[in-house]
Amino acid sequence: MERCKHLRIGPSLSLPQAPTRPPELGKKEPQGDFSQMLMDALKEVNKAQQDAKGLQNDLMANRPVEFHDLMIAMERASTAMALTLQVRNKVLEAYQEVSRMQV
């Protein structure tokens, strides 16, 4: 209750302003246009694929690798790729629908 001493009830209610969106941890605000955002997303998918491949290579080279870390990295890469393909399919579908529109 001590925190709310600065609030005044009356004609002008003074409330602290809340952020419009919750901050996302570990994420930066997208810069640039749609193509740059798309390239950044593809780079993240590529990095997930490379991380999984690196862990697989380490396991095959008999280097110490936690098996669960390998499985998580492989699933993360697989899920990222599946999501990318679904987004591509939806964008292609939308483009085809727009191209079929009569002007």
PDB file of N, CA and C in Angstrom:
ATOM      1  N   MET A   1       0.814  -1.189   0.000  1.00  0.00           N
ATOM      2  CA  MET A   1       0.000   0.000   0.000  1.00  0.00           C
ATOM      3  C   MET A   1       0.857   1.252   0.000  1.00  0.00           C
ATOM      4  N   GLU A   2       2.085   1.155   0.518  1.00  0.00           N
ATOM      5  CA  GLU A   2       2.997   2.284   0.552  1.00  0.00           C
ATOM      6  C   GLU A   2       3.327   2.769  -0.850  1.00  0.00           C
ATOM      7  N   ARG A   3       3.367   1.873  -1.842  1.00  0.00           N
ATOM      8  CA  ARG A   3       3.737   2.250  -3.199  1.00  0.00           C
ATOM      9  C   ARG A   3       2.685   3.139  -3.841  1.00  0.00           C
ATOM     10  N   CYS A   4       1.454   3.056  -3.423  1.00  0.00           N
ATOM     11  CA  CYS A   4       0.355   3.754  -4.089  1.00  0.00           C
ATOM     12  C   CYS A   4       0.062   5.123  -3.487  1.00  0.00           C
ATOM     13  N   LYS A   5       0.946   5.681  -2.665  1.00  0.00           N
ATOM     14  CA  LYS A   5       0.692   6.970  -2.041  1.00  0.00           C
ATOM     15  C   LYS A   5       0.628   8.092  -3.068  1.00  0.00           C
ATOM     16  N   HIS A   6       1.315   7.950  -4.201  1.00  0.00           N
ATOM     17  CA  HIS A   6       1.338   9.025  -5.185  1.00  0.00           C
ATOM     18  C   HIS A   6       0.081   9.052  -6.060  1.00  0.00           C
ATOM     19  N   LEU A   7      -0.787   8.058  -5.938  1.00  0.00           N
ATOM     20  CA  LEU A   7      -2.017   8.039  -6.726  1.00  0.00           C
ATOM     21  C   LEU A   7      -3.047   8.974  -6.098  1.00  0.00           C
ATOM     22  N   ARG A   8      -3.668   9.769  -6.938  1.00  0.00           N
ATOM     23  CA  ARG A   8      -4.714  10.661  -6.446  1.00  0.00           C
ATOM     24  C   ARG A   8      -6.032  10.260  -7.096  1.00  0.00           C
ATOM     25  N   ILE A   9      -7.011  10.100  -6.305  1.00  0.00           N
ATOM     26  CA  ILE A   9      -8.339   9.794  -6.809  1.00  0.00           C
ATOM     27  C   ILE A   9      -9.085  11.112  -6.915  1.00  0.00           C
ATOM     28  N   GLY A  10      -9.624  11.365  -8.047  1.00  0.00           N
ATOM     29  CA  GLY A  10     -10.324  12.621  -8.253  1.00  0.00           C
ATOM     30  C   GLY A  10     -10.461  12.899  -9.737  1.00  0.00           C
ATOM     31  N   PRO A  11     -10.643  14.174 -10.087  1.00  0.00           N
ATOM     32  CA  PRO A  11     -10.841  14.499 -11.489  1.00  0.00           C
ATOM     33  C   PRO A  11      -9.654  14.107 -12.362  1.00  0.00           C
ATOM     34  N   SER A  12      -8.449  14.202 -11.834  1.00  0.00           N
ATOM     35  CA  SER A  12      -7.292  13.801 -12.641  1.00  0.00           C
ATOM     36  C   SER A  12      -6.596  12.650 -11.933  1.00  0.00           C
ATOM     37  N   LEU A  13      -6.883  11.460 -12.368  1.00  0.00           N
ATOM     38  CA  LEU A  13      -6.305  10.256 -11.785  1.00  0.00           C
ATOM     39  C   LEU A  13      -4.902  10.078 -12.351  1.00  0.00           C
ATOM     40  N   SER A  14      -3.917  10.083 -11.498  1.00  0.00           N
ATOM     41  CA  SER A  14      -2.530   9.971 -11.930  1.00  0.00           C
ATOM     42  C   SER A  14      -2.060   8.546 -11.710  1.00  0.00           C
ATOM     43  N   LEU A  15      -1.988   7.770 -12.781  1.00  0.00           N
ATOM     44  CA  LEU A  15      -1.535   6.394 -12.708  1.00  0.00           C
ATOM     45  C   LEU A  15      -0.210   6.257 -13.452  1.00  0.00           C
ATOM     46  N   PRO A  16       0.668   5.411 -12.971  1.00  0.00           N
ATOM     47  CA  PRO A  16       1.900   5.170 -13.721  1.00  0.00           C
ATOM     48  C   PRO A  16       1.568   4.536 -15.059  1.00  0.00           C
ATOM     49  N   GLN A  17       2.290   4.948 -16.093  1.00  0.00           N
ATOM     50  CA  GLN A  17       2.037   4.432 -17.422  1.00  0.00           C
ATOM     51  C   GLN A  17       2.658   3.047 -17.574  1.00  0.00           C
ATOM     52  N   ALA A  18       1.853   2.100 -18.042  1.00  0.00           N
ATOM     53  CA  ALA A  18       2.347   0.762 -18.315  1.00  0.00           C
ATOM     54  C   ALA A  18       2.841   0.707 -19.753  1.00  0.00           C
ATOM     55  N   PRO A  19       3.821  -0.113 -20.026  1.00  0.00           N
ATOM     56  CA  PRO A  19       4.272  -0.231 -21.411  1.00  0.00           C
ATOM     57  C   PRO A  19       3.167  -0.815 -22.277  1.00  0.00           C
ATOM     58  N   THR A  20       3.138  -0.414 -23.533  1.00  0.00           N
ATOM     59  CA  THR A  20       2.096  -0.895 -24.427  1.00  0.00           C
ATOM     60  C   THR A  20       2.277  -2.364 -24.761  1.00  0.00           C
ATOM     61  N   ARG A  21       3.525  -2.816 -24.834  1.00  0.00           N
ATOM     62  CA  ARG A  21       3.827  -4.225 -25.084  1.00  0.00           C
ATOM     63  C   ARG A  21       4.803  -4.702 -24.031  1.00  0.00           C
ATOM     64  N   PRO A  22       4.677  -5.958 -23.608  1.00  0.00           N
ATOM     65  CA  PRO A  22       5.677  -6.463 -22.678  1.00  0.00           C
ATOM     66  C   PRO A  22       7.006  -6.627 -23.406  1.00  0.00           C
ATOM     67  N   PRO A  23       8.110  -6.316 -22.743  1.00  0.00           N
ATOM     68  CA  PRO A  23       9.408  -6.464 -23.404  1.00  0.00           C
ATOM     69  C   PRO A  23       9.718  -7.935 -23.633  1.00  0.00           C
ATOM     70  N   GLU A  24      10.274  -8.243 -24.777  1.00  0.00           N
ATOM     71  CA  GLU A  24      10.646  -9.617 -25.091  1.00  0.00           C
ATOM     72  C   GLU A  24      12.112  -9.796 -24.721  1.00  0.00           C
ATOM     73  N   LEU A  25      12.377 -10.795 -23.912  1.00  0.00           N
ATOM     74  CA  LEU A  25      13.731 -11.028 -23.446  1.00  0.00           C
ATOM     75  C   LEU A  25      14.588 -11.595 -24.568  1.00  0.00           C
ATOM     76  N   GLY A  26      15.771 -11.063 -24.719  1.00  0.00           N
ATOM     77  CA  GLY A  26      16.713 -11.584 -25.686  1.00  0.00           C
ATOM     78  C   GLY A  26      16.396 -11.240 -27.127  1.00  0.00           C
ATOM     79  N   LYS A  27      15.399 -10.419 -27.349  1.00  0.00           N
ATOM     80  CA  LYS A  27      15.026 -10.072 -28.722  1.00  0.00           C
ATOM     81  C   LYS A  27      15.204  -8.579 -28.907  1.00  0.00           C
ATOM     82  N   LYS A  28      15.693  -8.218 -30.065  1.00  0.00           N
ATOM     83  CA  LYS A  28      15.826  -6.808 -30.383  1.00  0.00           C
ATOM     84  C   LYS A  28      14.693  -6.402 -31.314  1.00  0.00           C
ATOM     85  N   GLU A  29      14.413  -5.137 -31.348  1.00  0.00           N
ATOM     86  CA  GLU A  29      13.379  -4.626 -32.223  1.00  0.00           C
ATOM     87  C   GLU A  29      13.798  -4.803 -33.674  1.00  0.00           C
ATOM     88  N   PRO A  30      12.872  -5.242 -34.543  1.00  0.00           N
ATOM     89  CA  PRO A  30      13.238  -5.414 -35.937  1.00  0.00           C
ATOM     90  C   PRO A  30      13.562  -4.080 -36.592  1.00  0.00           C
ATOM     91  N   GLN A  31      14.627  -4.072 -37.368  1.00  0.00           N
ATOM     92  CA  GLN A  31      15.049  -2.872 -38.067  1.00  0.00           C
ATOM     93  C   GLN A  31      14.833  -3.090 -39.554  1.00  0.00           C
ATOM     94  N   GLY A  32      14.403  -2.056 -40.237  1.00  0.00           N
ATOM     95  CA  GLY A  32      14.287  -2.137 -41.685  1.00  0.00           C
ATOM     96  C   GLY A  32      12.921  -2.592 -42.134  1.00  0.00           C
ATOM     97  N   ASP A  33      12.886  -3.096 -43.339  1.00  0.00           N
ATOM     98  CA  ASP A  33      11.623  -3.467 -43.949  1.00  0.00           C
ATOM     99  C   ASP A  33      11.365  -4.968 -43.834  1.00  0.00           C
ATOM    100  N   PHE A  34      10.338  -5.414 -44.548  1.00  0.00           N
ATOM    101  CA  PHE A  34       9.923  -6.806 -44.479  1.00  0.00           C
ATOM    102  C   PHE A  34      11.013  -7.743 -44.984  1.00  0.00           C
ATOM    103  N   SER A  35      11.698  -7.348 -46.044  1.00  0.00           N
ATOM    104  CA  SER A  35      12.732  -8.223 -46.595  1.00  0.00           C
ATOM    105  C   SER A  35      13.865  -8.432 -45.593  1.00  0.00           C
ATOM    106  N   GLN A  36      14.223  -7.389 -44.852  1.00  0.00           N
ATOM    107  CA  GLN A  36      15.273  -7.524 -43.841  1.00  0.00           C
ATOM    108  C   GLN A  36      14.811  -8.425 -42.696  1.00  0.00           C
ATOM    109  N   MET A  37      13.558  -8.278 -42.301  1.00  0.00           N
ATOM    110  CA  MET A  37      13.008  -9.125 -41.250  1.00  0.00           C
ATOM    111  C   MET A  37      12.996 -10.585 -41.700  1.00  0.00           C
ATOM    112  N   LEU A  38      12.649 -10.807 -42.971  1.00  0.00           N
ATOM    113  CA  LEU A  38      12.625 -12.153 -43.515  1.00  0.00           C
ATOM    114  C   LEU A  38      14.036 -12.746 -43.557  1.00  0.00           C
ATOM    115  N   MET A  39      15.008 -11.948 -43.971  1.00  0.00           N
ATOM    116  CA  MET A  39      16.390 -12.423 -44.009  1.00  0.00           C
ATOM    117  C   MET A  39      16.902 -12.757 -42.609  1.00  0.00           C
ATOM    118  N   ASP A  40      16.530 -11.954 -41.621  1.00  0.00           N
ATOM    119  CA  ASP A  40      16.945 -12.230 -40.243  1.00  0.00           C
ATOM    120  C   ASP A  40      16.348 -13.550 -39.750  1.00  0.00           C
ATOM    121  N   ALA A  41      15.083 -13.782 -40.082  1.00  0.00           N
ATOM    122  CA  ALA A  41      14.430 -15.030 -39.680  1.00  0.00           C
ATOM    123  C   ALA A  41      15.098 -16.226 -40.349  1.00  0.00           C
ATOM    124  N   LEU A  42      15.436 -16.095 -41.621  1.00  0.00           N
ATOM    125  CA  LEU A  42      16.112 -17.186 -42.328  1.00  0.00           C
ATOM    126  C   LEU A  42      17.504 -17.440 -41.762  1.00  0.00           C
ATOM    127  N   LYS A  43      18.180 -16.378 -41.336  1.00  0.00           N
ATOM    128  CA  LYS A  43      19.490 -16.548 -40.714  1.00  0.00           C
ATOM    129  C   LYS A  43      19.378 -17.307 -39.394  1.00  0.00           C
ATOM    130  N   GLU A  44      18.314 -17.040 -38.632  1.00  0.00           N
ATOM    131  CA  GLU A  44      18.099 -17.754 -37.374  1.00  0.00           C
ATOM    132  C   GLU A  44      17.824 -19.227 -37.620  1.00  0.00           C
ATOM    133  N   VAL A  45      17.035 -19.525 -38.657  1.00  0.00           N
ATOM    134  CA  VAL A  45      16.747 -20.919 -39.002  1.00  0.00           C
ATOM    135  C   VAL A  45      18.040 -21.609 -39.426  1.00  0.00           C
ATOM    136  N   ASN A  46      18.832 -20.929 -40.234  1.00  0.00           N
ATOM    137  CA  ASN A  46      20.105 -21.490 -40.679  1.00  0.00           C
ATOM    138  C   ASN A  46      21.038 -21.748 -39.499  1.00  0.00           C
ATOM    139  N   LYS A  47      21.066 -20.819 -38.544  1.00  0.00           N
ATOM    140  CA  LYS A  47      21.921 -21.004 -37.365  1.00  0.00           C
ATOM    141  C   LYS A  47      21.462 -22.206 -36.544  1.00  0.00           C
ATOM    142  N   ALA A  48      20.150 -22.388 -36.404  1.00  0.00           N
ATOM    143  CA  ALA A  48      19.641 -23.551 -35.671  1.00  0.00           C
ATOM    144  C   ALA A  48      20.041 -24.844 -36.376  1.00  0.00           C
ATOM    145  N   GLN A  49      19.979 -24.850 -37.715  1.00  0.00           N
ATOM    146  CA  GLN A  49      20.389 -26.027 -38.478  1.00  0.00           C
ATOM    147  C   GLN A  49      21.888 -26.297 -38.292  1.00  0.00           C
ATOM    148  N   GLN A  50      22.695 -25.250 -38.333  1.00  0.00           N
ATOM    149  CA  GLN A  50      24.141 -25.414 -38.180  1.00  0.00           C
ATOM    150  C   GLN A  50      24.513 -25.885 -36.774  1.00  0.00           C
ATOM    151  N   ASP A  51      23.812 -25.360 -35.762  1.00  0.00           N
ATOM    152  CA  ASP A  51      24.073 -25.788 -34.384  1.00  0.00           C
ATOM    153  C   ASP A  51      23.786 -27.278 -34.219  1.00  0.00           C
ATOM    154  N   ALA A  52      22.664 -27.726 -34.768  1.00  0.00           N
ATOM    155  CA  ALA A  52      22.303 -29.140 -34.667  1.00  0.00           C
ATOM    156  C   ALA A  52      23.320 -30.000 -35.413  1.00  0.00           C
ATOM    157  N   LYS A  53      23.729 -29.549 -36.590  1.00  0.00           N
ATOM    158  CA  LYS A  53      24.715 -30.304 -37.367  1.00  0.00           C
ATOM    159  C   LYS A  53      26.052 -30.371 -36.631  1.00  0.00           C
ATOM    160  N   GLY A  54      26.448 -29.269 -35.992  1.00  0.00           N
ATOM    161  CA  GLY A  54      27.690 -29.258 -35.230  1.00  0.00           C
ATOM    162  C   GLY A  54      27.659 -30.244 -34.072  1.00  0.00           C
ATOM    163  N   LEU A  55      26.540 -30.296 -33.367  1.00  0.00           N
ATOM    164  CA  LEU A  55      26.418 -31.256 -32.266  1.00  0.00           C
ATOM    165  C   LEU A  55      26.422 -32.693 -32.790  1.00  0.00           C
ATOM    166  N   GLN A  56      25.781 -32.926 -33.936  1.00  0.00           N
ATOM    167  CA  GLN A  56      25.796 -34.268 -34.533  1.00  0.00           C
ATOM    168  C   GLN A  56      27.227 -34.665 -34.897  1.00  0.00           C
ATOM    169  N   ASN A  57      27.955 -33.747 -35.504  1.00  0.00           N
ATOM    170  CA  ASN A  57      29.341 -34.039 -35.881  1.00  0.00           C
ATOM    171  C   ASN A  57      30.201 -34.312 -34.655  1.00  0.00           C
ATOM    172  N   ASP A  58      29.975 -33.548 -33.588  1.00  0.00           N
ATOM    173  CA  ASP A  58      30.720 -33.781 -32.349  1.00  0.00           C
ATOM    174  C   ASP A  58      30.427 -35.167 -31.788  1.00  0.00           C
ATOM    175  N   LEU A  59      29.171 -35.578 -31.834  1.00  0.00           N
ATOM    176  CA  LEU A  59      28.804 -36.902 -31.336  1.00  0.00           C
ATOM    177  C   LEU A  59      29.455 -37.987 -32.187  1.00  0.00           C
ATOM    178  N   MET A  60      29.455 -37.812 -33.508  1.00  0.00           N
ATOM    179  CA  MET A  60      30.058 -38.819 -34.396  1.00  0.00           C
ATOM    180  C   MET A  60      31.576 -38.857 -34.260  1.00  0.00           C
ATOM    181  N   ALA A  61      32.180 -37.733 -33.866  1.00  0.00           N
ATOM    182  CA  ALA A  61      33.625 -37.692 -33.674  1.00  0.00           C
ATOM    183  C   ALA A  61      34.018 -38.134 -32.270  1.00  0.00           C
ATOM    184  N   ASN A  62      33.051 -38.628 -31.525  1.00  0.00           N
ATOM    185  CA  ASN A  62      33.266 -39.144 -30.169  1.00  0.00           C
ATOM    186  C   ASN A  62      33.734 -38.062 -29.203  1.00  0.00           C
ATOM    187  N   ARG A  63      33.286 -36.819 -29.449  1.00  0.00           N
ATOM    188  CA  ARG A  63      33.548 -35.732 -28.505  1.00  0.00           C
ATOM    189  C   ARG A  63      32.434 -35.734 -27.460  1.00  0.00           C
ATOM    190  N   PRO A  64      32.698 -35.200 -26.279  1.00  0.00           N
ATOM    191  CA  PRO A  64      31.655 -35.214 -25.237  1.00  0.00           C
ATOM    192  C   PRO A  64      30.478 -34.308 -25.604  1.00  0.00           C
ATOM    193  N   VAL A  65      29.322 -34.919 -25.808  1.00  0.00           N
ATOM    194  CA  VAL A  65      28.094 -34.201 -26.137  1.00  0.00           C
ATOM    195  C   VAL A  65      26.970 -34.816 -25.312  1.00  0.00           C
ATOM    196  N   GLU A  66      26.205 -33.954 -24.681  1.00  0.00           N
ATOM    197  CA  GLU A  66      25.030 -34.439 -23.956  1.00  0.00           C
ATOM    198  C   GLU A  66      23.967 -34.819 -24.987  1.00  0.00           C
ATOM    199  N   PHE A  67      23.474 -36.031 -24.869  1.00  0.00           N
ATOM    200  CA  PHE A  67      22.517 -36.535 -25.854  1.00  0.00           C
ATOM    201  C   PHE A  67      21.239 -35.702 -25.868  1.00  0.00           C
ATOM    202  N   HIS A  68      20.784 -35.282 -24.704  1.00  0.00           N
ATOM    203  CA  HIS A  68      19.545 -34.499 -24.662  1.00  0.00           C
ATOM    204  C   HIS A  68      19.742 -33.128 -25.314  1.00  0.00           C
ATOM    205  N   ASP A  69      20.946 -32.546 -25.205  1.00  0.00           N
ATOM    206  CA  ASP A  69      21.221 -31.279 -25.887  1.00  0.00           C
ATOM    207  C   ASP A  69      21.164 -31.454 -27.401  1.00  0.00           C
ATOM    208  N   LEU A  70      21.704 -32.575 -27.870  1.00  0.00           N
ATOM    209  CA  LEU A  70      21.654 -32.878 -29.296  1.00  0.00           C
ATOM    210  C   LEU A  70      20.214 -33.029 -29.773  1.00  0.00           C
ATOM    211  N   MET A  71      19.422 -33.757 -29.021  1.00  0.00           N
ATOM    212  CA  MET A  71      18.020 -33.979 -29.420  1.00  0.00           C
ATOM    213  C   MET A  71      17.230 -32.676 -29.403  1.00  0.00           C
ATOM    214  N   ILE A  72      17.470 -31.838 -28.412  1.00  0.00           N
ATOM    215  CA  ILE A  72      16.776 -30.549 -28.341  1.00  0.00           C
ATOM    216  C   ILE A  72      17.172 -29.671 -29.522  1.00  0.00           C
ATOM    217  N   ALA A  73      18.460 -29.642 -29.847  1.00  0.00           N
ATOM    218  CA  ALA A  73      18.928 -28.835 -30.982  1.00  0.00           C
ATOM    219  C   ALA A  73      18.337 -29.347 -32.292  1.00  0.00           C
ATOM    220  N   MET A  74      18.258 -30.665 -32.445  1.00  0.00           N
ATOM    221  CA  MET A  74      17.685 -31.228 -33.675  1.00  0.00           C
ATOM    222  C   MET A  74      16.201 -30.916 -33.787  1.00  0.00           C
ATOM    223  N   GLU A  75      15.477 -31.019 -32.686  1.00  0.00           N
ATOM    224  CA  GLU A  75      14.045 -30.703 -32.717  1.00  0.00           C
ATOM    225  C   GLU A  75      13.813 -29.217 -32.957  1.00  0.00           C
ATOM    226  N   ARG A  76      14.651 -28.372 -32.351  1.00  0.00           N
ATOM    227  CA  ARG A  76      14.534 -26.930 -32.554  1.00  0.00           C
ATOM    228  C   ARG A  76      14.765 -26.595 -34.028  1.00  0.00           C
ATOM    229  N   ALA A  77      15.778 -27.199 -34.636  1.00  0.00           N
ATOM    230  CA  ALA A  77      16.064 -26.960 -36.051  1.00  0.00           C
ATOM    231  C   ALA A  77      14.933 -27.485 -36.933  1.00  0.00           C
ATOM    232  N   SER A  78      14.416 -28.640 -36.589  1.00  0.00           N
ATOM    233  CA  SER A  78      13.324 -29.226 -37.364  1.00  0.00           C
ATOM    234  C   SER A  78      12.059 -28.371 -37.275  1.00  0.00           C
ATOM    235  N   THR A  79      11.746 -27.906 -36.085  1.00  0.00           N
ATOM    236  CA  THR A  79      10.567 -27.066 -35.891  1.00  0.00           C
ATOM    237  C   THR A  79      10.726 -25.725 -36.603  1.00  0.00           C
ATOM    238  N   ALA A  80      11.910 -25.148 -36.531  1.00  0.00           N
ATOM    239  CA  ALA A  80      12.157 -23.872 -37.216  1.00  0.00           C
ATOM    240  C   ALA A  80      12.002 -24.031 -38.721  1.00  0.00           C
ATOM    241  N   MET A  81      12.501 -25.140 -39.261  1.00  0.00           N
ATOM    242  CA  MET A  81      12.381 -25.378 -40.697  1.00  0.00           C
ATOM    243  C   MET A  81      10.922 -25.614 -41.092  1.00  0.00           C
ATOM    244  N   ALA A  82      10.189 -26.365 -40.293  1.00  0.00           N
ATOM    245  CA  ALA A  82       8.780 -26.608 -40.590  1.00  0.00           C
ATOM    246  C   ALA A  82       7.983 -25.300 -40.554  1.00  0.00           C
ATOM    247  N   LEU A  83       8.274 -24.455 -39.584  1.00  0.00           N
ATOM    248  CA  LEU A  83       7.595 -23.164 -39.499  1.00  0.00           C
ATOM    249  C   LEU A  83       7.928 -22.294 -40.705  1.00  0.00           C
ATOM    250  N   THR A  84       9.192 -22.309 -41.108  1.00  0.00           N
ATOM    251  CA  THR A  84       9.609 -21.534 -42.275  1.00  0.00           C
ATOM    252  C   THR A  84       8.888 -22.008 -43.528  1.00  0.00           C
ATOM    253  N   LEU A  85       8.763 -23.301 -43.689  1.00  0.00           N
ATOM    254  CA  LEU A  85       8.052 -23.832 -44.855  1.00  0.00           C
ATOM    255  C   LEU A  85       6.575 -23.455 -44.834  1.00  0.00           C
ATOM    256  N   GLN A  86       5.965 -23.477 -43.655  1.00  0.00           N
ATOM    257  CA  GLN A  86       4.556 -23.096 -43.564  1.00  0.00           C
ATOM    258  C   GLN A  86       4.353 -21.619 -43.884  1.00  0.00           C
ATOM    259  N   VAL A  87       5.263 -20.773 -43.407  1.00  0.00           N
ATOM    260  CA  VAL A  87       5.177 -19.346 -43.721  1.00  0.00           C
ATOM    261  C   VAL A  87       5.348 -19.138 -45.220  1.00  0.00           C
ATOM    262  N   ARG A  88       6.323 -19.837 -45.811  1.00  0.00           N
ATOM    263  CA  ARG A  88       6.523 -19.730 -47.261  1.00  0.00           C
ATOM    264  C   ARG A  88       5.268 -20.157 -48.011  1.00  0.00           C
ATOM    265  N   ASN A  89       4.640 -21.257 -47.591  1.00  0.00           N
ATOM    266  CA  ASN A  89       3.431 -21.732 -48.256  1.00  0.00           C
ATOM    267  C   ASN A  89       2.306 -20.710 -48.145  1.00  0.00           C
ATOM    268  N   LYS A  90       2.153 -20.095 -46.985  1.00  0.00           N
ATOM    269  CA  LYS A  90       1.094 -19.095 -46.805  1.00  0.00           C
ATOM    270  C   LYS A  90       1.352 -17.851 -47.644  1.00  0.00           C
ATOM    271  N   VAL A  91       2.614 -17.417 -47.717  1.00  0.00           N
ATOM    272  CA  VAL A  91       2.948 -16.248 -48.527  1.00  0.00           C
ATOM    273  C   VAL A  91       2.701 -16.547 -50.001  1.00  0.00           C
ATOM    274  N   LEU A  92       3.091 -17.726 -50.453  1.00  0.00           N
ATOM    275  CA  LEU A  92       2.862 -18.121 -51.837  1.00  0.00           C
ATOM    276  C   LEU A  92       1.368 -18.213 -52.148  1.00  0.00           C
ATOM    277  N   GLU A  93       0.621 -18.763 -51.220  1.00  0.00           N
ATOM    278  CA  GLU A  93      -0.833 -18.863 -51.379  1.00  0.00           C
ATOM    279  C   GLU A  93      -1.470 -17.470 -51.477  1.00  0.00           C
ATOM    280  N   ALA A  94      -1.029 -16.552 -50.633  1.00  0.00           N
ATOM    281  CA  ALA A  94      -1.557 -15.184 -50.671  1.00  0.00           C
ATOM    282  C   ALA A  94      -1.194 -14.502 -51.982  1.00  0.00           C
ATOM    283  N   TYR A  95       0.030 -14.703 -52.457  1.00  0.00           N
ATOM    284  CA  TYR A  95       0.451 -14.113 -53.726  1.00  0.00           C
ATOM    285  C   TYR A  95      -0.406 -14.648 -54.877  1.00  0.00           C
ATOM    286  N   GLN A  96      -0.635 -15.950 -54.879  1.00  0.00           N
ATOM    287  CA  GLN A  96      -1.459 -16.536 -55.946  1.00  0.00           C
ATOM    288  C   GLN A  96      -2.886 -16.010 -55.898  1.00  0.00           C
ATOM    289  N   GLU A  97      -3.401 -15.830 -54.690  1.00  0.00           N
ATOM    290  CA  GLU A  97      -4.763 -15.298 -54.558  1.00  0.00           C
ATOM    291  C   GLU A  97      -4.836 -13.862 -55.065  1.00  0.00           C
ATOM    292  N   VAL A  98      -3.840 -13.050 -54.749  1.00  0.00           N
ATOM    293  CA  VAL A  98      -3.817 -11.664 -55.217  1.00  0.00           C
ATOM    294  C   VAL A  98      -3.666 -11.630 -56.733  1.00  0.00           C
ATOM    295  N   SER A  99      -2.851 -12.524 -57.291  1.00  0.00           N
ATOM    296  CA  SER A  99      -2.655 -12.526 -58.747  1.00  0.00           C
ATOM    297  C   SER A  99      -3.908 -12.971 -59.497  1.00  0.00           C
ATOM    298  N   ARG A 100      -4.785 -13.718 -58.846  1.00  0.00           N
ATOM    299  CA  ARG A 100      -6.033 -14.140 -59.484  1.00  0.00           C
ATOM    300  C   ARG A 100      -7.119 -13.074 -59.407  1.00  0.00           C
ATOM    301  N   MET A 101      -6.907 -12.045 -58.596  1.00  0.00           N
ATOM    302  CA  MET A 101      -7.915 -10.985 -58.464  1.00  0.00           C
ATOM    303  C   MET A 101      -8.053 -10.214 -59.755  1.00  0.00           C
ATOM    304  N   GLN A 102      -9.301  -9.855 -60.068  1.00  0.00           N
ATOM    305  CA  GLN A 102      -9.530  -9.033 -61.251  1.00  0.00           C
ATOM    306  C   GLN A 102      -9.540  -7.577 -60.846  1.00  0.00           C
ATOM    307  N   VAL A 103      -8.868  -6.778 -61.630  1.00  0.00           N
ATOM    308  CA  VAL A 103      -8.765  -5.348 -61.322  1.00  0.00           C
ATOM    309  C   VAL A 103      -9.868  -4.585 -61.974  1.00  0.00           C
TER     310      VAL A 103
END
